[in-house]
Every structure is written in structure tokens, then in C-alpha cells.
Amino acid sequence: MEFAGLKIAALQLRNAAVVLYSVFIAATSIPEFGRISNALIIPYYLFIPGYFVTLVLRQGGTLLEKLFFSVAWSLAIVASVYSALSLSGGPALSESILVPLLTVLLMAYDYYRKK
């Protein structure tokens, strides 16, 4: 019983950290925050969106498989958002807002699907 409580607390902590990290990444679209180091931005785009797609699709059993699928799905998401924005002409929203928004939506879907 106690282990289940710790697992739920860990999931909630992970989700809260991802939401804060997503807000931080979305804030980089504001000109004043545009000078944030790429060392903080690149890992987000490389791992986080794909990790939640991997969770939703229940892919990967081992840590190495989850890492592979996370990177593959993240690259697919970022490329799709960039492609859609380039086809639409003038972007109403930038990819630094759309990718974190999609990530938070995937996280919320995964969280409420498990309940």
C-alpha cells in the first residue's frame, strides 16, 4: 500500500516538473527570454515530447528501448510541427509554444487514461 502511494507521488512530481519545464521552454518565445542557453532547450526537444508519446503508445520495455522511442518520437513531433508551421505561411504561434503545449496535452492524456 505504501509503495503505491510513493508511485503516485513520483508520477505527480514528474508531471509537475514537466509542466514547469514546458512553461520555461514556452517562455523562450518571449524576446527577453530568448537568450537562454541551448543547453537547457535542446534536451527538452530531444526527449520530453517523445517520452510521453512512448508512454501513451506503451512502447518499449527496457530503459534503452524507451530512450530510443523517446528520441525517435521527439524528432518526429518537432519535424511535424516545424513542417506544419512552414506550410501555413505566417506562423500564428511558434514551435517553442506548440511543442510544449502538445507535450502537456500528451502528459495529461496519459495521466487521466491511467486513472
PDB file of N, CA and C in Angstrom:
ATOM      1  N   MET A   1       0.821  -1.193   0.000  1.00  0.00           N
ATOM      2  CA  MET A   1       0.000   0.000   0.000  1.00  0.00           C
ATOM      3  C   MET A   1       0.867   1.260   0.000  1.00  0.00           C
ATOM      4  N   GLU A   2       1.939   1.206   0.772  1.00  0.00           N
ATOM      5  CA  GLU A   2       2.803   2.366   0.851  1.00  0.00           C
ATOM      6  C   GLU A   2       3.557   2.586  -0.459  1.00  0.00           C
ATOM      7  N   PHE A   3       3.915   1.481  -1.122  1.00  0.00           N
ATOM      8  CA  PHE A   3       4.614   1.568  -2.397  1.00  0.00           C
ATOM      9  C   PHE A   3       3.744   2.240  -3.460  1.00  0.00           C
ATOM     10  N   ALA A   4       2.454   1.944  -3.459  1.00  0.00           N
ATOM     11  CA  ALA A   4       1.534   2.552  -4.425  1.00  0.00           C
ATOM     12  C   ALA A   4       1.445   4.056  -4.200  1.00  0.00           C
ATOM     13  N   GLY A   5       1.451   4.476  -2.947  1.00  0.00           N
ATOM     14  CA  GLY A   5       1.410   5.899  -2.643  1.00  0.00           C
ATOM     15  C   GLY A   5       2.662   6.620  -3.118  1.00  0.00           C
ATOM     16  N   LEU A   6       3.822   5.968  -2.984  1.00  0.00           N
ATOM     17  CA  LEU A   6       5.065   6.562  -3.455  1.00  0.00           C
ATOM     18  C   LEU A   6       5.090   6.643  -4.977  1.00  0.00           C
ATOM     19  N   LYS A   7       4.513   5.647  -5.638  1.00  0.00           N
ATOM     20  CA  LYS A   7       4.476   5.647  -7.098  1.00  0.00           C
ATOM     21  C   LYS A   7       3.598   6.792  -7.612  1.00  0.00           C
ATOM     22  N   ILE A   8       2.470   6.999  -6.968  1.00  0.00           N
ATOM     23  CA  ILE A   8       1.582   8.094  -7.365  1.00  0.00           C
ATOM     24  C   ILE A   8       2.249   9.439  -7.120  1.00  0.00           C
ATOM     25  N   ALA A   9       2.928   9.567  -5.986  1.00  0.00           N
ATOM     26  CA  ALA A   9       3.628  10.820  -5.678  1.00  0.00           C
ATOM     27  C   ALA A   9       4.746  11.080  -6.686  1.00  0.00           C
ATOM     28  N   ALA A  10       5.453  10.024  -7.090  1.00  0.00           N
ATOM     29  CA  ALA A  10       6.520  10.186  -8.080  1.00  0.00           C
ATOM     30  C   ALA A  10       5.955  10.607  -9.433  1.00  0.00           C
ATOM     31  N   LEU A  11       4.814  10.035  -9.832  1.00  0.00           N
ATOM     32  CA  LEU A  11       4.180  10.433 -11.093  1.00  0.00           C
ATOM     33  C   LEU A  11       3.731  11.889 -11.053  1.00  0.00           C
ATOM     34  N   GLN A  12       3.164  12.305  -9.939  1.00  0.00           N
ATOM     35  CA  GLN A  12       2.721  13.688  -9.817  1.00  0.00           C
ATOM     36  C   GLN A  12       3.902  14.652  -9.818  1.00  0.00           C
ATOM     37  N   LEU A  13       4.998  14.256  -9.173  1.00  0.00           N
ATOM     38  CA  LEU A  13       6.202  15.086  -9.187  1.00  0.00           C
ATOM     39  C   LEU A  13       6.780  15.184 -10.593  1.00  0.00           C
ATOM     40  N   ARG A  14       6.806  14.056 -11.326  1.00  0.00           N
ATOM     41  CA  ARG A  14       7.290  14.068 -12.704  1.00  0.00           C
ATOM     42  C   ARG A  14       6.424  14.974 -13.572  1.00  0.00           C
ATOM     43  N   ASN A  15       5.114  14.863 -13.429  1.00  0.00           N
ATOM     44  CA  ASN A  15       4.208  15.684 -14.232  1.00  0.00           C
ATOM     45  C   ASN A  15       4.360  17.165 -13.904  1.00  0.00           C
ATOM     46  N   ALA A  16       4.525  17.487 -12.628  1.00  0.00           N
ATOM     47  CA  ALA A  16       4.710  18.890 -12.243  1.00  0.00           C
ATOM     48  C   ALA A  16       6.021  19.437 -12.812  1.00  0.00           C
ATOM     49  N   ALA A  17       7.072  18.619 -12.775  1.00  0.00           N
ATOM     50  CA  ALA A  17       8.358  19.059 -13.327  1.00  0.00           C
ATOM     51  C   ALA A  17       8.255  19.271 -14.836  1.00  0.00           C
ATOM     52  N   VAL A  18       7.539  18.397 -15.528  1.00  0.00           N
ATOM     53  CA  VAL A  18       7.394  18.538 -16.981  1.00  0.00           C
ATOM     54  C   VAL A  18       6.566  19.777 -17.316  1.00  0.00           C
ATOM     55  N   VAL A  19       5.534  20.055 -16.545  1.00  0.00           N
ATOM     56  CA  VAL A  19       4.738  21.261 -16.799  1.00  0.00           C
ATOM     57  C   VAL A  19       5.589  22.512 -16.599  1.00  0.00           C
ATOM     58  N   LEU A  20       6.381  22.554 -15.529  1.00  0.00           N
ATOM     59  CA  LEU A  20       7.242  23.715 -15.294  1.00  0.00           C
ATOM     60  C   LEU A  20       8.302  23.853 -16.383  1.00  0.00           C
ATOM     61  N   TYR A  21       8.889  22.744 -16.797  1.00  0.00           N
ATOM     62  CA  TYR A  21       9.888  22.764 -17.865  1.00  0.00           C
ATOM     63  C   TYR A  21       9.238  23.207 -19.177  1.00  0.00           C
ATOM     64  N   SER A  22       8.005  22.775 -19.439  1.00  0.00           N
ATOM     65  CA  SER A  22       7.299  23.178 -20.652  1.00  0.00           C
ATOM     66  C   SER A  22       6.987  24.666 -20.643  1.00  0.00           C
ATOM     67  N   VAL A  23       6.585  25.192 -19.505  1.00  0.00           N
ATOM     68  CA  VAL A  23       6.337  26.639 -19.398  1.00  0.00           C
ATOM     69  C   VAL A  23       7.636  27.405 -19.613  1.00  0.00           C
ATOM     70  N   PHE A  24       8.726  26.888 -19.067  1.00  0.00           N
ATOM     71  CA  PHE A  24      10.034  27.504 -19.261  1.00  0.00           C
ATOM     72  C   PHE A  24      10.416  27.526 -20.744  1.00  0.00           C
ATOM     73  N   ILE A  25      10.191  26.434 -21.440  1.00  0.00           N
ATOM     74  CA  ILE A  25      10.512  26.366 -22.873  1.00  0.00           C
ATOM     75  C   ILE A  25       9.593  27.290 -23.671  1.00  0.00           C
ATOM     76  N   ALA A  26       8.312  27.328 -23.304  1.00  0.00           N
ATOM     77  CA  ALA A  26       7.380  28.215 -23.998  1.00  0.00           C
ATOM     78  C   ALA A  26       7.756  29.684 -23.769  1.00  0.00           C
ATOM     79  N   ALA A  27       8.337  29.981 -22.624  1.00  0.00           N
ATOM     80  CA  ALA A  27       8.737  31.366 -22.331  1.00  0.00           C
ATOM     81  C   ALA A  27       9.900  31.815 -23.205  1.00  0.00           C
ATOM     82  N   THR A  28      10.607  30.887 -23.829  1.00  0.00           N
ATOM     83  CA  THR A  28      11.715  31.294 -24.701  1.00  0.00           C
ATOM     84  C   THR A  28      11.224  31.995 -25.964  1.00  0.00           C
ATOM     85  N   SER A  29       9.940  31.933 -26.238  1.00  0.00           N
ATOM     86  CA  SER A  29       9.410  32.663 -27.398  1.00  0.00           C
ATOM     87  C   SER A  29       9.275  34.151 -27.109  1.00  0.00           C
ATOM     88  N   ILE A  30       9.333  34.530 -25.835  1.00  0.00           N
ATOM     89  CA  ILE A  30       9.319  35.946 -25.453  1.00  0.00           C
ATOM     90  C   ILE A  30      10.720  36.504 -25.688  1.00  0.00           C
ATOM     91  N   PRO A  31      10.843  37.646 -26.330  1.00  0.00           N
ATOM     92  CA  PRO A  31      12.177  38.144 -26.682  1.00  0.00           C
ATOM     93  C   PRO A  31      13.150  38.293 -25.503  1.00  0.00           C
ATOM     94  N   GLU A  32      12.666  38.663 -24.341  1.00  0.00           N
ATOM     95  CA  GLU A  32      13.561  38.845 -23.194  1.00  0.00           C
ATOM     96  C   GLU A  32      14.160  37.523 -22.719  1.00  0.00           C
ATOM     97  N   PHE A  33      13.432  36.430 -22.916  1.00  0.00           N
ATOM     98  CA  PHE A  33      13.917  35.120 -22.502  1.00  0.00           C
ATOM     99  C   PHE A  33      14.623  34.381 -23.640  1.00  0.00           C
ATOM    100  N   GLY A  34      14.785  35.026 -24.765  1.00  0.00           N
ATOM    101  CA  GLY A  34      15.391  34.390 -25.918  1.00  0.00           C
ATOM    102  C   GLY A  34      16.873  34.103 -25.766  1.00  0.00           C
ATOM    103  N   ARG A  35      17.491  34.668 -24.753  1.00  0.00           N
ATOM    104  CA  ARG A  35      18.925  34.473 -24.558  1.00  0.00           C
ATOM    105  C   ARG A  35      19.241  33.313 -23.624  1.00  0.00           C
ATOM    106  N   ILE A  36      18.291  32.437 -23.406  1.00  0.00           N
ATOM    107  CA  ILE A  36      18.504  31.277 -22.550  1.00  0.00           C
ATOM    108  C   ILE A  36      19.381  30.275 -23.297  1.00  0.00           C
ATOM    109  N   SER A  37      20.272  29.654 -22.589  1.00  0.00           N
ATOM    110  CA  SER A  37      21.233  28.734 -23.194  1.00  0.00           C
ATOM    111  C   SER A  37      20.537  27.558 -23.885  1.00  0.00           C
ATOM    112  N   ASN A  38      21.088  27.162 -25.016  1.00  0.00           N
ATOM    113  CA  ASN A  38      20.560  26.000 -25.733  1.00  0.00           C
ATOM    114  C   ASN A  38      20.796  24.707 -24.984  1.00  0.00           C
ATOM    115  N   ALA A  39      21.702  24.712 -24.017  1.00  0.00           N
ATOM    116  CA  ALA A  39      21.947  23.515 -23.211  1.00  0.00           C
ATOM    117  C   ALA A  39      20.721  23.144 -22.379  1.00  0.00           C
ATOM    118  N   LEU A  40      19.834  24.078 -22.145  1.00  0.00           N
ATOM    119  CA  LEU A  40      18.583  23.798 -21.433  1.00  0.00           C
ATOM    120  C   LEU A  40      17.433  23.490 -22.386  1.00  0.00           C
ATOM    121  N   ILE A  41      17.510  23.998 -23.597  1.00  0.00           N
ATOM    122  CA  ILE A  41      16.402  23.867 -24.541  1.00  0.00           C
ATOM    123  C   ILE A  41      16.486  22.578 -25.361  1.00  0.00           C
ATOM    124  N   ILE A  42      17.666  22.234 -25.833  1.00  0.00           N
ATOM    125  CA  ILE A  42      17.824  21.077 -26.718  1.00  0.00           C
ATOM    126  C   ILE A  42      17.400  19.761 -26.067  1.00  0.00           C
ATOM    127  N   PRO A  43      17.783  19.490 -24.798  1.00  0.00           N
ATOM    128  CA  PRO A  43      17.317  18.220 -24.198  1.00  0.00           C
ATOM    129  C   PRO A  43      15.798  18.111 -24.125  1.00  0.00           C
ATOM    130  N   TYR A  44      15.121  19.241 -23.950  1.00  0.00           N
ATOM    131  CA  TYR A  44      13.656  19.199 -23.918  1.00  0.00           C
ATOM    132  C   TYR A  44      13.108  18.692 -25.244  1.00  0.00           C
ATOM    133  N   TYR A  45      13.544  19.327 -26.337  1.00  0.00           N
ATOM    134  CA  TYR A  45      13.041  18.945 -27.655  1.00  0.00           C
ATOM    135  C   TYR A  45      13.500  17.547 -28.063  1.00  0.00           C
ATOM    136  N   LEU A  46      14.597  17.074 -27.501  1.00  0.00           N
ATOM    137  CA  LEU A  46      15.145  15.780 -27.882  1.00  0.00           C
ATOM    138  C   LEU A  46      14.500  14.607 -27.150  1.00  0.00           C
ATOM    139  N   PHE A  47      13.996  14.822 -25.927  1.00  0.00           N
ATOM    140  CA  PHE A  47      13.499  13.697 -25.136  1.00  0.00           C
ATOM    141  C   PHE A  47      12.056  13.813 -24.659  1.00  0.00           C
ATOM    142  N   ILE A  48      11.643  14.953 -24.171  1.00  0.00           N
ATOM    143  CA  ILE A  48      10.397  15.061 -23.411  1.00  0.00           C
ATOM    144  C   ILE A  48       9.142  14.785 -24.241  1.00  0.00           C
ATOM    145  N   PRO A  49       8.915  15.425 -25.397  1.00  0.00           N
ATOM    146  CA  PRO A  49       7.672  15.123 -26.130  1.00  0.00           C
ATOM    147  C   PRO A  49       7.553  13.652 -26.531  1.00  0.00           C
ATOM    148  N   GLY A  50       8.645  13.075 -26.984  1.00  0.00           N
ATOM    149  CA  GLY A  50       8.632  11.675 -27.398  1.00  0.00           C
ATOM    150  C   GLY A  50       8.436  10.719 -26.238  1.00  0.00           C
ATOM    151  N   TYR A  51       8.883  11.105 -25.047  1.00  0.00           N
ATOM    152  CA  TYR A  51       8.703  10.247 -23.882  1.00  0.00           C
ATOM    153  C   TYR A  51       7.221  10.037 -23.595  1.00  0.00           C
ATOM    154  N   PHE A  52       6.435  11.083 -23.720  1.00  0.00           N
ATOM    155  CA  PHE A  52       5.009  10.944 -23.431  1.00  0.00           C
ATOM    156  C   PHE A  52       4.268  10.233 -24.562  1.00  0.00           C
ATOM    157  N   VAL A  53       4.734  10.363 -25.787  1.00  0.00           N
ATOM    158  CA  VAL A  53       4.156   9.552 -26.867  1.00  0.00           C
ATOM    159  C   VAL A  53       4.467   8.085 -26.605  1.00  0.00           C
ATOM    160  N   THR A  54       5.681   7.808 -26.155  1.00  0.00           N
ATOM    161  CA  THR A  54       6.070   6.438 -25.823  1.00  0.00           C
ATOM    162  C   THR A  54       5.198   5.884 -24.706  1.00  0.00           C
ATOM    163  N   LEU A  55       4.887   6.706 -23.711  1.00  0.00           N
ATOM    164  CA  LEU A  55       4.010   6.255 -22.624  1.00  0.00           C
ATOM    165  C   LEU A  55       2.592   6.012 -23.118  1.00  0.00           C
ATOM    166  N   VAL A  56       2.085   6.911 -23.950  1.00  0.00           N
ATOM    167  CA  VAL A  56       0.716   6.766 -24.449  1.00  0.00           C
ATOM    168  C   VAL A  56       0.587   5.515 -25.315  1.00  0.00           C
ATOM    169  N   LEU A  57       1.586   5.269 -26.158  1.00  0.00           N
ATOM    170  CA  LEU A  57       1.535   4.106 -27.053  1.00  0.00           C
ATOM    171  C   LEU A  57       2.052   2.825 -26.401  1.00  0.00           C
ATOM    172  N   ARG A  58       2.533   2.942 -25.178  1.00  0.00           N
ATOM    173  CA  ARG A  58       3.063   1.802 -24.406  1.00  0.00           C
ATOM    174  C   ARG A  58       4.154   1.070 -25.177  1.00  0.00           C
ATOM    175  N   GLN A  59       5.110   1.819 -25.660  1.00  0.00           N
ATOM    176  CA  GLN A  59       6.227   1.242 -26.399  1.00  0.00           C
ATOM    177  C   GLN A  59       7.436   1.117 -25.482  1.00  0.00           C
ATOM    178  N   GLY A  60       8.226   0.118 -25.715  1.00  0.00           N
ATOM    179  CA  GLY A  60       9.485  -0.030 -25.014  1.00  0.00           C
ATOM    180  C   GLY A  60       9.337  -0.644 -23.643  1.00  0.00           C
ATOM    181  N   GLY A  61      10.067  -1.690 -23.408  1.00  0.00           N
ATOM    182  CA  GLY A  61      10.038  -2.339 -22.113  1.00  0.00           C
ATOM    183  C   GLY A  61      11.243  -1.964 -21.283  1.00  0.00           C
ATOM    184  N   THR A  62      12.411  -1.946 -21.920  1.00  0.00           N
ATOM    185  CA  THR A  62      13.624  -1.621 -21.194  1.00  0.00           C
ATOM    186  C   THR A  62      13.899  -0.121 -21.282  1.00  0.00           C
ATOM    187  N   LEU A  63      14.838   0.310 -20.475  1.00  0.00           N
ATOM    188  CA  LEU A  63      15.200   1.724 -20.468  1.00  0.00           C
ATOM    189  C   LEU A  63      15.791   2.151 -21.813  1.00  0.00           C
ATOM    190  N   LEU A  64      16.592   1.297 -22.417  1.00  0.00           N
ATOM    191  CA  LEU A  64      17.196   1.613 -23.712  1.00  0.00           C
ATOM    192  C   LEU A  64      16.141   1.739 -24.809  1.00  0.00           C
ATOM    193  N   GLU A  65      15.136   0.863 -24.779  1.00  0.00           N
ATOM    194  CA  GLU A  65      14.054   0.961 -25.763  1.00  0.00           C
ATOM    195  C   GLU A  65      13.249   2.234 -25.569  1.00  0.00           C
ATOM    196  N   LYS A  66      12.944   2.575 -24.326  1.00  0.00           N
ATOM    197  CA  LYS A  66      12.211   3.823 -24.065  1.00  0.00           C
ATOM    198  C   LYS A  66      13.006   5.034 -24.521  1.00  0.00           C
ATOM    199  N   LEU A  67      14.317   5.008 -24.294  1.00  0.00           N
ATOM    200  CA  LEU A  67      15.166   6.115 -24.734  1.00  0.00           C
ATOM    201  C   LEU A  67      15.153   6.232 -26.257  1.00  0.00           C
ATOM    202  N   PHE A  68      15.272   5.108 -26.944  1.00  0.00           N
ATOM    203  CA  PHE A  68      15.247   5.118 -28.406  1.00  0.00           C
ATOM    204  C   PHE A  68      13.917   5.657 -28.933  1.00  0.00           C
ATOM    205  N   PHE A  69      12.802   5.131 -28.414  1.00  0.00           N
ATOM    206  CA  PHE A  69      11.495   5.584 -28.881  1.00  0.00           C
ATOM    207  C   PHE A  69      11.241   7.046 -28.514  1.00  0.00           C
ATOM    208  N   SER A  70      11.731   7.481 -27.374  1.00  0.00           N
ATOM    209  CA  SER A  70      11.566   8.880 -26.979  1.00  0.00           C
ATOM    210  C   SER A  70      12.260   9.814 -27.954  1.00  0.00           C
ATOM    211  N   VAL A  71      13.491   9.488 -28.310  1.00  0.00           N
ATOM    212  CA  VAL A  71      14.229  10.326 -29.259  1.00  0.00           C
ATOM    213  C   VAL A  71      13.563  10.289 -30.634  1.00  0.00           C
ATOM    214  N   ALA A  72      13.170   9.104 -31.074  1.00  0.00           N
ATOM    215  CA  ALA A  72      12.547   8.986 -32.399  1.00  0.00           C
ATOM    216  C   ALA A  72      11.231   9.763 -32.463  1.00  0.00           C
ATOM    217  N   TRP A  73      10.381   9.609 -31.479  1.00  0.00           N
ATOM    218  CA  TRP A  73       9.107  10.327 -31.477  1.00  0.00           C
ATOM    219  C   TRP A  73       9.313  11.833 -31.296  1.00  0.00           C
ATOM    220  N   SER A  74      10.275  12.232 -30.498  1.00  0.00           N
ATOM    221  CA  SER A  74      10.533  13.664 -30.327  1.00  0.00           C
ATOM    222  C   SER A  74      10.958  14.309 -31.638  1.00  0.00           C
ATOM    223  N   LEU A  75      11.852  13.647 -32.351  1.00  0.00           N
ATOM    224  CA  LEU A  75      12.270  14.185 -33.644  1.00  0.00           C
ATOM    225  C   LEU A  75      11.096  14.256 -34.611  1.00  0.00           C
ATOM    226  N   ALA A  76      10.228  13.255 -34.587  1.00  0.00           N
ATOM    227  CA  ALA A  76       9.053  13.260 -35.466  1.00  0.00           C
ATOM    228  C   ALA A  76       8.099  14.395 -35.100  1.00  0.00           C
ATOM    229  N   ILE A  77       7.897  14.629 -33.816  1.00  0.00           N
ATOM    230  CA  ILE A  77       6.987  15.703 -33.382  1.00  0.00           C
ATOM    231  C   ILE A  77       7.533  17.066 -33.768  1.00  0.00           C
ATOM    232  N   VAL A  78       8.802  17.297 -33.462  1.00  0.00           N
ATOM    233  CA  VAL A  78       9.398  18.602 -33.774  1.00  0.00           C
ATOM    234  C   VAL A  78       9.407  18.839 -35.284  1.00  0.00           C
ATOM    235  N   ALA A  79       9.746  17.821 -36.062  1.00  0.00           N
ATOM    236  CA  ALA A  79       9.738  17.972 -37.518  1.00  0.00           C
ATOM    237  C   ALA A  79       8.326  18.217 -38.045  1.00  0.00           C
ATOM    238  N   SER A  80       7.332  17.542 -37.485  1.00  0.00           N
ATOM    239  CA  SER A  80       5.945  17.734 -37.926  1.00  0.00           C
ATOM    240  C   SER A  80       5.442  19.133 -37.608  1.00  0.00           C
ATOM    241  N   VAL A  81       5.734  19.609 -36.417  1.00  0.00           N
ATOM    242  CA  VAL A  81       5.296  20.965 -36.039  1.00  0.00           C
ATOM    243  C   VAL A  81       5.989  21.999 -36.912  1.00  0.00           C
ATOM    244  N   TYR A  82       7.288  21.836 -37.128  1.00  0.00           N
ATOM    245  CA  TYR A  82       8.021  22.781 -37.969  1.00  0.00           C
ATOM    246  C   TYR A  82       7.492  22.755 -39.403  1.00  0.00           C
ATOM    247  N   SER A  83       7.212  21.565 -39.914  1.00  0.00           N
ATOM    248  CA  SER A  83       6.681  21.441 -41.271  1.00  0.00           C
ATOM    249  C   SER A  83       5.302  22.073 -41.389  1.00  0.00           C
ATOM    250  N   ALA A  84       4.445  21.829 -40.429  1.00  0.00           N
ATOM    251  CA  ALA A  84       3.103  22.409 -40.456  1.00  0.00           C
ATOM    252  C   ALA A  84       3.154  23.931 -40.375  1.00  0.00           C
ATOM    253  N   LEU A  85       4.068  24.461 -39.561  1.00  0.00           N
ATOM    254  CA  LEU A  85       4.191  25.914 -39.459  1.00  0.00           C
ATOM    255  C   LEU A  85       4.759  26.522 -40.737  1.00  0.00           C
ATOM    256  N   SER A  86       5.663  25.820 -41.390  1.00  0.00           N
ATOM    257  CA  SER A  86       6.229  26.368 -42.628  1.00  0.00           C
ATOM    258  C   SER A  86       5.218  26.309 -43.776  1.00  0.00           C
ATOM    259  N   LEU A  87       4.328  25.322 -43.760  1.00  0.00           N
ATOM    260  CA  LEU A  87       3.313  25.232 -44.806  1.00  0.00           C
ATOM    261  C   LEU A  87       2.186  26.242 -44.627  1.00  0.00           C
ATOM    262  N   SER A  88       1.962  26.659 -43.385  1.00  0.00           N
ATOM    263  CA  SER A  88       0.846  27.564 -43.119  1.00  0.00           C
ATOM    264  C   SER A  88       1.149  29.008 -43.497  1.00  0.00           C
ATOM    265  N   GLY A  89       2.363  29.299 -43.898  1.00  0.00           N
ATOM    266  CA  GLY A  89       2.706  30.668 -44.261  1.00  0.00           C
ATOM    267  C   GLY A  89       3.281  31.403 -43.071  1.00  0.00           C
ATOM    268  N   GLY A  90       2.500  32.286 -42.497  1.00  0.00           N
ATOM    269  CA  GLY A  90       2.937  33.029 -41.321  1.00  0.00           C
ATOM    270  C   GLY A  90       2.489  32.320 -40.056  1.00  0.00           C
ATOM    271  N   PRO A  91       3.418  31.944 -39.209  1.00  0.00           N
ATOM    272  CA  PRO A  91       3.024  31.205 -38.010  1.00  0.00           C
ATOM    273  C   PRO A  91       2.297  32.097 -37.005  1.00  0.00           C
ATOM    274  N   ALA A  92       1.113  31.668 -36.606  1.00  0.00           N
ATOM    275  CA  ALA A  92       0.391  32.388 -35.563  1.00  0.00           C
ATOM    276  C   ALA A  92       1.043  32.109 -34.217  1.00  0.00           C
ATOM    277  N   LEU A  93       1.533  30.894 -34.046  1.00  0.00           N
ATOM    278  CA  LEU A  93       2.265  30.501 -32.849  1.00  0.00           C
ATOM    279  C   LEU A  93       3.597  29.907 -33.287  1.00  0.00           C
ATOM    280  N   SER A  94       4.588  30.051 -32.451  1.00  0.00           N
ATOM    281  CA  SER A  94       5.883  29.480 -32.814  1.00  0.00           C
ATOM    282  C   SER A  94       5.990  28.044 -32.304  1.00  0.00           C
ATOM    283  N   GLU A  95       6.984  27.334 -32.816  1.00  0.00           N
ATOM    284  CA  GLU A  95       7.174  25.950 -32.376  1.00  0.00           C
ATOM    285  C   GLU A  95       7.584  25.879 -30.916  1.00  0.00           C
ATOM    286  N   SER A  96       8.147  26.962 -30.380  1.00  0.00           N
ATOM    287  CA  SER A  96       8.517  26.951 -28.967  1.00  0.00           C
ATOM    288  C   SER A  96       7.292  27.048 -28.057  1.00  0.00           C
ATOM    289  N   ILE A  97       6.125  27.296 -28.629  1.00  0.00           N
ATOM    290  CA  ILE A  97       4.880  27.259 -27.855  1.00  0.00           C
ATOM    291  C   ILE A  97       4.091  25.990 -28.181  1.00  0.00           C
ATOM    292  N   LEU A  98       4.066  25.600 -29.448  1.00  0.00           N
ATOM    293  CA  LEU A  98       3.253  24.444 -29.850  1.00  0.00           C
ATOM    294  C   LEU A  98       3.785  23.112 -29.330  1.00  0.00           C
ATOM    295  N   VAL A  99       5.093  22.911 -29.349  1.00  0.00           N
ATOM    296  CA  VAL A  99       5.653  21.640 -28.878  1.00  0.00           C
ATOM    297  C   VAL A  99       5.424  21.458 -27.378  1.00  0.00           C
ATOM    298  N   PRO A 100       5.695  22.475 -26.526  1.00  0.00           N
ATOM    299  CA  PRO A 100       5.364  22.296 -25.099  1.00  0.00           C
ATOM    300  C   PRO A 100       3.871  22.106 -24.846  1.00  0.00           C
ATOM    301  N   LEU A 101       3.030  22.781 -25.610  1.00  0.00           N
ATOM    302  CA  LEU A 101       1.591  22.605 -25.457  1.00  0.00           C
ATOM    303  C   LEU A 101       1.176  21.177 -25.791  1.00  0.00           C
ATOM    304  N   LEU A 102       1.701  20.652 -26.885  1.00  0.00           N
ATOM    305  CA  LEU A 102       1.421  19.266 -27.266  1.00  0.00           C
ATOM    306  C   LEU A 102       1.945  18.296 -26.211  1.00  0.00           C
ATOM    307  N   THR A 103       3.095  18.585 -25.646  1.00  0.00           N
ATOM    308  CA  THR A 103       3.676  17.733 -24.609  1.00  0.00           C
ATOM    309  C   THR A 103       2.795  17.693 -23.365  1.00  0.00           C
ATOM    310  N   VAL A 104       2.313  18.837 -22.948  1.00  0.00           N
ATOM    311  CA  VAL A 104       1.452  18.888 -21.759  1.00  0.00           C
ATOM    312  C   VAL A 104       0.126  18.174 -22.034  1.00  0.00           C
ATOM    313  N   LEU A 105      -0.402  18.310 -23.239  1.00  0.00           N
ATOM    314  CA  LEU A 105      -1.632  17.597 -23.583  1.00  0.00           C
ATOM    315  C   LEU A 105      -1.425  16.080 -23.584  1.00  0.00           C
ATOM    316  N   LEU A 106      -0.293  15.618 -24.115  1.00  0.00           N
ATOM    317  CA  LEU A 106       0.015  14.184 -24.087  1.00  0.00           C
ATOM    318  C   LEU A 106       0.191  13.685 -22.653  1.00  0.00           C
ATOM    319  N   MET A 107       0.837  14.496 -21.818  1.00  0.00           N
ATOM    320  CA  MET A 107       1.038  14.123 -20.420  1.00  0.00           C
ATOM    321  C   MET A 107      -0.307  14.016 -19.697  1.00  0.00           C
ATOM    322  N   ALA A 108      -1.179  14.980 -19.929  1.00  0.00           N
ATOM    323  CA  ALA A 108      -2.491  14.949 -19.287  1.00  0.00           C
ATOM    324  C   ALA A 108      -3.304  13.753 -19.769  1.00  0.00           C
ATOM    325  N   TYR A 109      -3.233  13.450 -21.051  1.00  0.00           N
ATOM    326  CA  TYR A 109      -3.944  12.290 -21.574  1.00  0.00           C
ATOM    327  C   TYR A 109      -3.430  11.009 -20.937  1.00  0.00           C
ATOM    328  N   ASP A 110      -2.122  10.871 -20.840  1.00  0.00           N
ATOM    329  CA  ASP A 110      -1.536   9.669 -20.235  1.00  0.00           C
ATOM    330  C   ASP A 110      -1.914   9.566 -18.761  1.00  0.00           C
ATOM    331  N   TYR A 111      -1.923  10.691 -18.049  1.00  0.00           N
ATOM    332  CA  TYR A 111      -2.241  10.679 -16.626  1.00  0.00           C
ATOM    333  C   TYR A 111      -3.688  10.276 -16.383  1.00  0.00           C
ATOM    334  N   TYR A 112      -4.623  10.870 -17.136  1.00  0.00           N
ATOM    335  CA  TYR A 112      -6.029  10.586 -16.915  1.00  0.00           C
ATOM    336  C   TYR A 112      -6.464   9.254 -17.518  1.00  0.00           C
ATOM    337  N   ARG A 113      -5.727   8.749 -18.484  1.00  0.00           N
ATOM    338  CA  ARG A 113      -6.027   7.437 -19.045  1.00  0.00           C
ATOM    339  C   ARG A 113      -5.738   6.337 -18.040  1.00  0.00           C
ATOM    340  N   LYS A 114      -4.716   6.552 -17.209  1.00  0.00           N
ATOM    341  CA  LYS A 114      -4.340   5.546 -16.226  1.00  0.00           C
ATOM    342  C   LYS A 114      -5.245   5.533 -15.006  1.00  0.00           C
ATOM    343  N   LYS A 115      -6.013   6.574 -14.803  1.00  0.00           N
ATOM    344  CA  LYS A 115      -6.889   6.643 -13.621  1.00  0.00           C
ATOM    345  C   LYS A 115      -8.082   5.750 -13.752  1.00  0.00           C
TER     346      LYS A 115
END
